[in-house]
Amino acid sequence: MSNRTFTMIKPDATSKGYTGAILDEIIQAGYSIKALKWTKLSKELASEFYSVHKERGFFGELVDYMSSGPIIAAILEKENAVTDFRKLIGATNPANAEEGTIRKKYAASVAENAIHGSDSDENAIIEGDFFFSKLERF
């Protein structure tokens, strides 16, 4: 089990001005930020990042959405990082998310669900490596 996870604050949340509030919730939950980047994905980079979904019907829509505006990418550290972070952000569908979770507070729909969180230790490493060089991590 790793003590690091990866997250992205998605275009819907950054466009609505939720970035600071979401980062504050993450820090208040005991995570330390080990890497942080404000960036915008091209369609090519969004396609590469989400290539695991390329055979699914929603892939094109997902790529368009994720390249529609800026995102915040971050590597976070805390004991039991992946599992605890998934609890903090809540269910993918904000209607099913528990009260107090990030998605319950800031997400509009399944498609615009405000934040990404790695689903495994292995994916946290892969996703973090996608966005950050070793020199950008602390």
C-alpha atoms as a PDB file:
ATOM      1  CA  MET A   1       0.000   0.000   0.000  1.00  0.00           C
ATOM      2  CA  SER A   2       1.312   3.401  -0.999  1.00  0.00           C
ATOM      3  CA  ASN A   3       0.935   6.626   0.905  1.00  0.00           C
ATOM      4  CA  ARG A   4       0.519   8.657  -2.274  1.00  0.00           C
ATOM      5  CA  THR A   5      -2.363   9.222  -4.631  1.00  0.00           C
ATOM      6  CA  PHE A   6      -3.079  11.361  -7.672  1.00  0.00           C
ATOM      7  CA  THR A   7      -5.920  13.804  -8.192  1.00  0.00           C
ATOM      8  CA  MET A   8      -7.192  16.261 -10.780  1.00  0.00           C
ATOM      9  CA  ILE A   9      -9.602  19.080 -10.117  1.00  0.00           C
ATOM     10  CA  LYS A  10     -11.583  18.969 -13.357  1.00  0.00           C
ATOM     11  CA  PRO A  11     -12.602  21.765 -15.763  1.00  0.00           C
ATOM     12  CA  ASP A  12     -16.124  22.172 -14.361  1.00  0.00           C
ATOM     13  CA  ALA A  13     -14.794  22.823 -10.864  1.00  0.00           C
ATOM     14  CA  THR A  14     -11.997  25.164 -11.972  1.00  0.00           C
ATOM     15  CA  SER A  15     -14.399  27.184 -14.150  1.00  0.00           C
ATOM     16  CA  LYS A  16     -16.818  27.619 -11.237  1.00  0.00           C
ATOM     17  CA  GLY A  17     -14.077  28.861  -8.909  1.00  0.00           C
ATOM     18  CA  TYR A  18     -14.051  25.819  -6.608  1.00  0.00           C
ATOM     19  CA  THR A  19     -10.300  25.187  -6.840  1.00  0.00           C
ATOM     20  CA  GLY A  20      -9.313  26.863  -3.566  1.00  0.00           C
ATOM     21  CA  ALA A  21     -12.170  25.339  -1.571  1.00  0.00           C
ATOM     22  CA  ILE A  22     -11.412  21.850  -2.882  1.00  0.00           C
ATOM     23  CA  LEU A  23      -7.679  22.177  -2.196  1.00  0.00           C
ATOM     24  CA  ASP A  24      -8.491  23.409   1.310  1.00  0.00           C
ATOM     25  CA  GLU A  25     -10.708  20.368   1.958  1.00  0.00           C
ATOM     26  CA  ILE A  26      -7.904  18.083   0.781  1.00  0.00           C
ATOM     27  CA  ILE A  27      -5.390  19.756   3.110  1.00  0.00           C
ATOM     28  CA  GLN A  28      -7.864  19.785   6.020  1.00  0.00           C
ATOM     29  CA  ALA A  29      -8.316  16.025   5.498  1.00  0.00           C
ATOM     30  CA  GLY A  30      -4.632  15.578   6.317  1.00  0.00           C
ATOM     31  CA  TYR A  31      -3.076  15.322   2.866  1.00  0.00           C
ATOM     32  CA  SER A  32       0.174  17.046   2.054  1.00  0.00           C
ATOM     33  CA  ILE A  33       0.718  18.209  -1.500  1.00  0.00           C
ATOM     34  CA  LYS A  34       3.836  16.674  -3.040  1.00  0.00           C
ATOM     35  CA  ALA A  35       3.323  18.070  -6.558  1.00  0.00           C
ATOM     36  CA  LEU A  36       0.866  20.605  -7.968  1.00  0.00           C
ATOM     37  CA  LYS A  37       0.262  21.884 -11.487  1.00  0.00           C
ATOM     38  CA  TRP A  38      -2.261  24.221 -13.122  1.00  0.00           C
ATOM     39  CA  THR A  39      -2.492  23.125 -16.758  1.00  0.00           C
ATOM     40  CA  LYS A  40      -4.807  22.478 -19.683  1.00  0.00           C
ATOM     41  CA  LEU A  41      -4.954  19.146 -21.459  1.00  0.00           C
ATOM     42  CA  SER A  42      -4.961  19.043 -25.235  1.00  0.00           C
ATOM     43  CA  LYS A  43      -7.326  16.530 -26.826  1.00  0.00           C
ATOM     44  CA  GLU A  44      -4.292  14.366 -27.563  1.00  0.00           C
ATOM     45  CA  LEU A  45      -3.122  14.358 -23.931  1.00  0.00           C
ATOM     46  CA  ALA A  46      -6.649  13.780 -22.621  1.00  0.00           C
ATOM     47  CA  SER A  47      -6.987  10.844 -25.049  1.00  0.00           C
ATOM     48  CA  GLU A  48      -3.706   9.407 -23.830  1.00  0.00           C
ATOM     49  CA  PHE A  49      -4.555   9.839 -20.145  1.00  0.00           C
ATOM     50  CA  TYR A  50      -7.987   8.218 -20.555  1.00  0.00           C
ATOM     51  CA  SER A  51      -6.900   5.591 -23.116  1.00  0.00           C
ATOM     52  CA  VAL A  52      -8.175   2.837 -20.812  1.00  0.00           C
ATOM     53  CA  HIS A  53     -11.693   4.037 -21.746  1.00  0.00           C
ATOM     54  CA  LYS A  54     -11.141   4.360 -25.519  1.00  0.00           C
ATOM     55  CA  GLU A  55     -13.523   1.510 -26.385  1.00  0.00           C
ATOM     56  CA  ARG A  56     -16.359   2.953 -24.311  1.00  0.00           C
ATOM     57  CA  GLY A  57     -19.132   5.032 -25.816  1.00  0.00           C
ATOM     58  CA  PHE A  58     -18.411   8.057 -23.622  1.00  0.00           C
ATOM     59  CA  PHE A  59     -14.708   8.320 -24.555  1.00  0.00           C
ATOM     60  CA  GLY A  60     -15.063  11.186 -27.081  1.00  0.00           C
ATOM     61  CA  GLU A  61     -17.262  13.163 -24.726  1.00  0.00           C
ATOM     62  CA  LEU A  62     -14.795  12.586 -21.877  1.00  0.00           C
ATOM     63  CA  VAL A  63     -11.856  13.787 -23.990  1.00  0.00           C
ATOM     64  CA  ASP A  64     -13.779  16.886 -25.109  1.00  0.00           C
ATOM     65  CA  TYR A  65     -14.750  17.677 -21.516  1.00  0.00           C
ATOM     66  CA  MET A  66     -11.291  17.153 -20.034  1.00  0.00           C
ATOM     67  CA  SER A  67      -9.704  19.363 -22.704  1.00  0.00           C
ATOM     68  CA  SER A  68     -12.359  22.088 -22.369  1.00  0.00           C
ATOM     69  CA  GLY A  69     -10.595  24.116 -19.680  1.00  0.00           C
ATOM     70  CA  PRO A  70      -7.805  24.178 -17.117  1.00  0.00           C
ATOM     71  CA  ILE A  71      -7.304  21.489 -14.507  1.00  0.00           C
ATOM     72  CA  ILE A  72      -5.277  21.192 -11.330  1.00  0.00           C
ATOM     73  CA  ALA A  73      -3.157  18.034 -11.167  1.00  0.00           C
ATOM     74  CA  ALA A  74      -1.655  16.980  -7.847  1.00  0.00           C
ATOM     75  CA  ILE A  75       0.171  14.206  -6.077  1.00  0.00           C
ATOM     76  CA  LEU A  76      -0.976  13.897  -2.483  1.00  0.00           C
ATOM     77  CA  GLU A  77       0.503  12.095   0.495  1.00  0.00           C
ATOM     78  CA  LYS A  78      -1.142  10.631   3.577  1.00  0.00           C
ATOM     79  CA  GLU A  79      -1.306   7.210   5.191  1.00  0.00           C
ATOM     80  CA  ASN A  80      -3.763   5.001   3.257  1.00  0.00           C
ATOM     81  CA  ALA A  81      -3.899   7.734   0.605  1.00  0.00           C
ATOM     82  CA  VAL A  82      -5.841   6.065  -2.225  1.00  0.00           C
ATOM     83  CA  THR A  83      -8.620   4.515  -0.144  1.00  0.00           C
ATOM     84  CA  ASP A  84      -9.096   7.536   2.105  1.00  0.00           C
ATOM     85  CA  PHE A  85      -9.113   9.924  -0.856  1.00  0.00           C
ATOM     86  CA  ARG A  86     -11.811   7.935  -2.639  1.00  0.00           C
ATOM     87  CA  LYS A  87     -13.939   8.302   0.510  1.00  0.00           C
ATOM     88  CA  LEU A  88     -13.199  12.038   0.683  1.00  0.00           C
ATOM     89  CA  ILE A  89     -14.300  12.704  -2.893  1.00  0.00           C
ATOM     90  CA  GLY A  90     -17.398  10.474  -2.836  1.00  0.00           C
ATOM     91  CA  ALA A  91     -19.245   8.501  -5.490  1.00  0.00           C
ATOM     92  CA  THR A  92     -18.768   9.328  -9.179  1.00  0.00           C
ATOM     93  CA  ASN A  93     -22.435  10.272  -9.375  1.00  0.00           C
ATOM     94  CA  PRO A  94     -22.853  13.227  -7.002  1.00  0.00           C
ATOM     95  CA  ALA A  95     -26.489  12.251  -6.443  1.00  0.00           C
ATOM     96  CA  ASN A  96     -25.195   9.051  -4.813  1.00  0.00           C
ATOM     97  CA  ALA A  97     -22.286  10.690  -2.968  1.00  0.00           C
ATOM     98  CA  GLU A  98     -22.379  10.885   0.806  1.00  0.00           C
ATOM     99  CA  GLU A  99     -23.064  14.235   2.445  1.00  0.00           C
ATOM    100  CA  GLY A 100     -19.905  16.217   3.081  1.00  0.00           C
ATOM    101  CA  THR A 101     -17.911  14.659   0.228  1.00  0.00           C
ATOM    102  CA  ILE A 102     -16.259  16.838  -2.396  1.00  0.00           C
ATOM    103  CA  ARG A 103     -18.479  15.564  -5.196  1.00  0.00           C
ATOM    104  CA  LYS A 104     -21.649  16.061  -3.155  1.00  0.00           C
ATOM    105  CA  LYS A 105     -20.639  19.692  -2.575  1.00  0.00           C
ATOM    106  CA  TYR A 106     -19.102  20.658  -5.918  1.00  0.00           C
ATOM    107  CA  ALA A 107     -20.098  18.219  -8.699  1.00  0.00           C
ATOM    108  CA  ALA A 108     -22.986  18.849 -11.059  1.00  0.00           C
ATOM    109  CA  SER A 109     -23.408  15.408 -12.648  1.00  0.00           C
ATOM    110  CA  VAL A 110     -21.711  12.111 -13.462  1.00  0.00           C
ATOM    111  CA  ALA A 111     -20.049  13.788 -16.451  1.00  0.00           C
ATOM    112  CA  GLU A 112     -19.079  16.959 -14.553  1.00  0.00           C
ATOM    113  CA  ASN A 113     -18.020  15.387 -11.277  1.00  0.00           C
ATOM    114  CA  ALA A 114     -15.468  18.011 -10.176  1.00  0.00           C
ATOM    115  CA  ILE A 115     -12.536  15.778  -9.232  1.00  0.00           C
ATOM    116  CA  HIS A 116     -10.603  12.661 -10.153  1.00  0.00           C
ATOM    117  CA  GLY A 117      -8.985  10.321  -7.659  1.00  0.00           C
ATOM    118  CA  SER A 118      -6.812   7.316  -8.446  1.00  0.00           C
ATOM    119  CA  ASP A 119      -8.557   3.988  -7.912  1.00  0.00           C
ATOM    120  CA  SER A 120      -5.460   1.975  -6.970  1.00  0.00           C
ATOM    121  CA  ASP A 121      -1.885   2.392  -5.797  1.00  0.00           C
ATOM    122  CA  GLU A 122      -0.678   1.258  -9.231  1.00  0.00           C
ATOM    123  CA  ASN A 123      -2.824   3.808 -11.075  1.00  0.00           C
ATOM    124  CA  ALA A 124      -1.751   6.556  -8.663  1.00  0.00           C
ATOM    125  CA  ILE A 125       1.849   5.977  -9.769  1.00  0.00           C
ATOM    126  CA  ILE A 126       0.955   5.808 -13.483  1.00  0.00           C
ATOM    127  CA  GLU A 127      -1.214   8.926 -13.302  1.00  0.00           C
ATOM    128  CA  GLY A 128       1.309  10.894 -11.251  1.00  0.00           C
ATOM    129  CA  ASP A 129       4.054   9.944 -13.711  1.00  0.00           C
ATOM    130  CA  PHE A 130       1.870  11.170 -16.591  1.00  0.00           C
ATOM    131  CA  PHE A 131       1.829  14.724 -15.211  1.00  0.00           C
ATOM    132  CA  PHE A 132       4.980  15.137 -13.136  1.00  0.00           C
ATOM    133  CA  SER A 133       8.688  14.588 -13.616  1.00  0.00           C
ATOM    134  CA  LYS A 134      10.795  13.487 -10.648  1.00  0.00           C
ATOM    135  CA  LEU A 135      12.072  17.082 -10.370  1.00  0.00           C
ATOM    136  CA  GLU A 136       8.529  18.379  -9.802  1.00  0.00           C
ATOM    137  CA  ARG A 137       7.847  16.191  -6.751  1.00  0.00           C
ATOM    138  CA  PHE A 138       8.714  16.928  -3.164  1.00  0.00           C
END
